[in-house]
Amino acid sequence: FDVGAAEGCYSCSVVEKFAKAKIIAFEPERPRAEIYIENIEQYMTDFNRNPEDIDISLHEVVVSDGVKNIVNMRHYVCPKTGGGAGSSSTIQYDRQNRISLDIPYEAVSLNSYIDQVDEVDIIKIDVDGFDGKILKGSRKILQYYKPFVIFEWHPIMIKKTKNDFHEHFEILTKFGY
């Protein structure tokens, strides 16, 4: 799983290093998702990968703990360029020299994808402070598959998002990590 896939940095590394893989990626922002697709296609070509051997699905949803079905994110757009990829946040504040748009996104848990996988080797999470919530919504996967977990523990963003500093570690400890 590649949660917070952005432009595909981690997924592209998998394509580069492995001839066979299944990647389920999540990136709710449409501009970033488009760049993700372009980057994956380029890597598939550059490394001569067969699309039948590299199974990639990109889901334009927010991954969370499974409590809410909809999560609002504020997207910031530069009025001069129209750009704004990578600027969405669940922290809704106004930014100077930016247009703010509140966009509702479907929210899912990783547990809701358990029937789509035979194995889970790695969960990569990069979501600026919400990593604990994603792990909370991944409990079945953590318990059953025991995947490697890579996440960004960002104390400043955890505080800004009003999430629990210890939740990540408590969940992982509970499942023997």
Protein backbone atom coordinates (compact mmCIF):
# COMPACT_ATOMS: atom_id res chain seq x y z
CA PHE A 1 0.00 0.00 0.00
CA ASP A 2 1.22 3.50 -0.85
CA VAL A 3 -0.86 5.94 1.22
CA GLY A 4 -0.25 9.58 0.37
CA ALA A 5 1.22 8.49 -2.95
CA ALA A 6 1.67 12.07 -4.19
CA GLU A 7 3.63 12.06 -7.44
CA GLY A 8 4.60 8.39 -7.08
CA CYS A 9 8.11 8.52 -5.64
CA TYR A 10 7.75 5.30 -3.62
CA SER A 11 5.65 3.46 -6.20
CA CYS A 12 8.18 4.33 -8.90
CA SER A 13 10.94 2.86 -6.73
CA VAL A 14 9.00 -0.41 -6.56
CA VAL A 15 8.60 -0.42 -10.35
CA GLU A 16 12.33 0.21 -10.71
CA LYS A 17 13.44 -2.53 -8.28
CA PHE A 18 10.89 -5.31 -8.86
CA ALA A 19 9.76 -7.02 -12.06
CA LYS A 20 6.55 -8.22 -10.37
CA ALA A 21 4.51 -6.26 -7.86
CA LYS A 22 1.04 -5.20 -6.82
CA ILE A 23 0.68 -1.63 -5.64
CA ILE A 24 -2.51 -0.14 -4.26
CA ALA A 25 -1.90 3.60 -4.08
CA PHE A 26 -3.99 6.38 -2.58
CA GLU A 27 -3.80 10.04 -3.58
CA PRO A 28 -6.96 12.15 -3.31
CA GLU A 29 -5.66 15.26 -5.10
CA ARG A 30 -6.46 15.08 -8.82
CA PRO A 31 -3.40 17.10 -10.01
CA ARG A 32 -1.04 14.88 -8.03
CA ALA A 33 -2.85 11.73 -9.19
CA GLU A 34 -2.34 12.80 -12.80
CA ILE A 35 1.39 13.30 -12.20
CA TYR A 36 1.50 9.93 -10.40
CA ILE A 37 0.05 8.20 -13.48
CA GLU A 38 2.51 9.97 -15.82
CA ASN A 39 5.46 9.03 -13.62
CA ILE A 40 4.41 5.38 -13.31
CA GLU A 41 3.94 5.11 -17.08
CA GLN A 42 7.39 6.59 -17.64
CA TYR A 43 9.00 4.18 -15.17
CA MET A 44 7.18 1.22 -16.73
CA THR A 45 8.70 2.23 -20.08
CA ASP A 46 12.16 3.14 -18.75
CA PHE A 47 12.54 -0.17 -16.90
CA ASN A 48 10.82 -2.26 -19.58
CA ARG A 49 8.13 -3.54 -17.20
CA ASN A 50 5.23 -5.66 -18.39
CA PRO A 51 1.88 -4.20 -17.25
CA GLU A 52 0.68 -7.77 -16.59
CA ASP A 53 3.46 -8.18 -14.00
CA ILE A 54 3.12 -4.78 -12.31
CA ASP A 55 -0.44 -4.38 -11.08
CA ILE A 56 -1.03 -0.79 -9.98
CA SER A 57 -4.31 0.72 -8.90
CA LEU A 58 -4.62 4.35 -7.88
CA HIS A 59 -7.54 5.38 -5.69
CA GLU A 60 -8.43 9.06 -5.40
CA VAL A 61 -9.72 8.84 -1.84
CA VAL A 62 -8.54 9.82 1.63
CA VAL A 63 -7.36 6.94 3.81
CA SER A 64 -8.26 7.24 7.47
CA ASP A 65 -9.51 5.15 10.38
CA GLY A 66 -12.82 4.25 8.74
CA VAL A 67 -14.94 6.32 11.15
CA LYS A 68 -16.02 8.99 8.63
CA ASN A 69 -17.14 8.36 5.05
CA ILE A 70 -16.33 11.91 3.93
CA VAL A 71 -13.34 14.07 4.87
CA ASN A 72 -13.16 17.74 3.89
CA MET A 73 -9.83 19.03 2.72
CA ARG A 74 -8.93 22.60 1.94
CA HIS A 75 -7.15 23.03 -1.38
CA TYR A 76 -5.07 26.14 -2.00
CA VAL A 77 -4.72 27.55 -5.49
CA CYS A 78 -2.32 30.22 -6.69
CA PRO A 79 -4.44 32.83 -8.49
CA LYS A 80 -1.55 33.78 -10.80
CA THR A 81 -0.69 30.30 -12.07
CA GLY A 82 -3.74 28.21 -11.17
CA GLY A 83 -1.33 25.71 -9.59
CA GLY A 84 -1.89 24.03 -6.30
CA ALA A 85 -0.86 20.36 -6.49
CA GLY A 86 0.23 19.13 -3.11
CA SER A 87 -1.35 21.95 -1.19
CA SER A 88 -4.44 20.25 0.24
CA SER A 89 -4.81 19.93 3.97
CA THR A 90 -7.41 18.87 6.50
CA ILE A 91 -6.19 21.82 8.54
CA GLN A 92 -8.50 24.51 7.28
CA TYR A 93 -6.89 27.91 7.55
CA ASP A 94 -6.54 30.74 5.08
CA ARG A 95 -3.24 31.21 3.28
CA GLN A 96 -2.00 34.55 2.07
CA ASN A 97 -2.10 35.01 -1.73
CA ARG A 98 -4.07 31.77 -2.25
CA ILE A 99 -7.65 30.94 -3.14
CA SER A 100 -9.12 28.40 -0.68
CA LEU A 101 -11.47 25.68 -1.87
CA ASP A 102 -13.03 23.18 0.53
CA ILE A 103 -13.42 19.82 -1.20
CA PRO A 104 -15.15 16.73 0.22
CA TYR A 105 -13.32 13.45 -0.42
CA GLU A 106 -14.47 9.89 0.11
CA ALA A 107 -12.70 8.40 3.14
CA VAL A 108 -11.81 4.72 3.47
CA SER A 109 -9.74 2.50 5.75
CA LEU A 110 -7.04 0.13 4.53
CA ASN A 111 -9.01 -2.67 6.20
CA SER A 112 -11.70 -2.15 3.56
CA TYR A 113 -9.17 -3.40 0.97
CA ILE A 114 -8.27 -6.63 2.78
CA ASP A 115 -10.33 -8.74 0.35
CA GLN A 116 -8.36 -7.35 -2.60
CA VAL A 117 -4.97 -8.66 -1.48
CA ASP A 118 -3.38 -12.06 -0.97
CA GLU A 119 -0.47 -10.58 0.94
CA VAL A 120 0.75 -7.21 2.16
CA ASP A 121 4.50 -6.70 2.39
CA ILE A 122 4.73 -2.95 2.97
CA ILE A 123 2.50 -0.10 4.06
CA LYS A 124 4.02 3.30 3.27
CA ILE A 125 2.22 6.27 4.83
CA ASP A 126 2.99 9.95 4.24
CA VAL A 127 0.00 12.05 5.22
CA ASP A 128 1.27 14.87 7.42
CA GLY A 129 0.02 14.02 10.89
CA PHE A 130 -2.73 11.50 10.17
CA ASP A 131 -0.50 8.42 10.10
CA GLY A 132 -1.91 7.12 13.39
CA LYS A 133 -5.46 7.25 12.06
CA ILE A 134 -4.44 5.24 9.02
CA LEU A 135 -2.76 2.62 11.20
CA LYS A 136 -5.92 2.51 13.32
CA GLY A 137 -7.90 1.72 10.17
CA SER A 138 -5.35 -0.97 9.24
CA ARG A 139 -5.57 -3.16 12.34
CA LYS A 140 -6.77 -6.30 10.53
CA ILE A 141 -3.98 -5.97 7.97
CA LEU A 142 -1.36 -5.35 10.66
CA GLN A 143 -2.56 -8.36 12.66
CA TYR A 144 -2.94 -10.79 9.76
CA TYR A 145 -0.12 -9.86 7.36
CA LYS A 146 2.47 -8.19 9.65
CA PRO A 147 3.76 -5.94 6.84
CA PHE A 148 6.73 -3.62 7.11
CA VAL A 149 5.37 -0.19 8.03
CA ILE A 150 7.04 3.01 6.92
CA PHE A 151 5.49 6.26 8.09
CA GLU A 152 6.43 9.87 8.59
CA TRP A 153 6.16 10.77 12.26
CA HIS A 154 5.80 14.54 12.06
CA PRO A 155 5.23 16.02 15.57
CA ILE A 156 4.43 19.51 14.28
CA MET A 157 1.75 18.21 11.90
CA ILE A 158 0.41 15.79 14.52
CA LYS A 159 -0.09 18.78 16.84
CA LYS A 160 -1.65 20.93 14.09
CA THR A 161 -4.07 18.16 13.15
CA LYS A 162 -4.89 17.56 16.82
CA ASN A 163 -4.02 13.88 16.59
CA ASP A 164 -2.39 11.72 19.26
CA PHE A 165 1.43 11.73 19.38
CA HIS A 166 1.53 8.15 20.66
CA GLU A 167 -1.26 6.52 18.65
CA HIS A 168 1.11 5.26 15.92
CA PHE A 169 3.36 3.49 18.37
CA GLU A 170 0.56 2.13 20.57
CA ILE A 171 -1.13 0.48 17.60
CA LEU A 172 2.11 -0.99 16.28
CA THR A 173 3.11 -2.22 19.74
CA LYS A 174 -0.29 -3.89 20.17
CA PHE A 175 0.38 -5.95 17.04
CA GLY A 176 3.91 -6.97 17.97
CA TYR A 177 5.97 -4.40 16.11
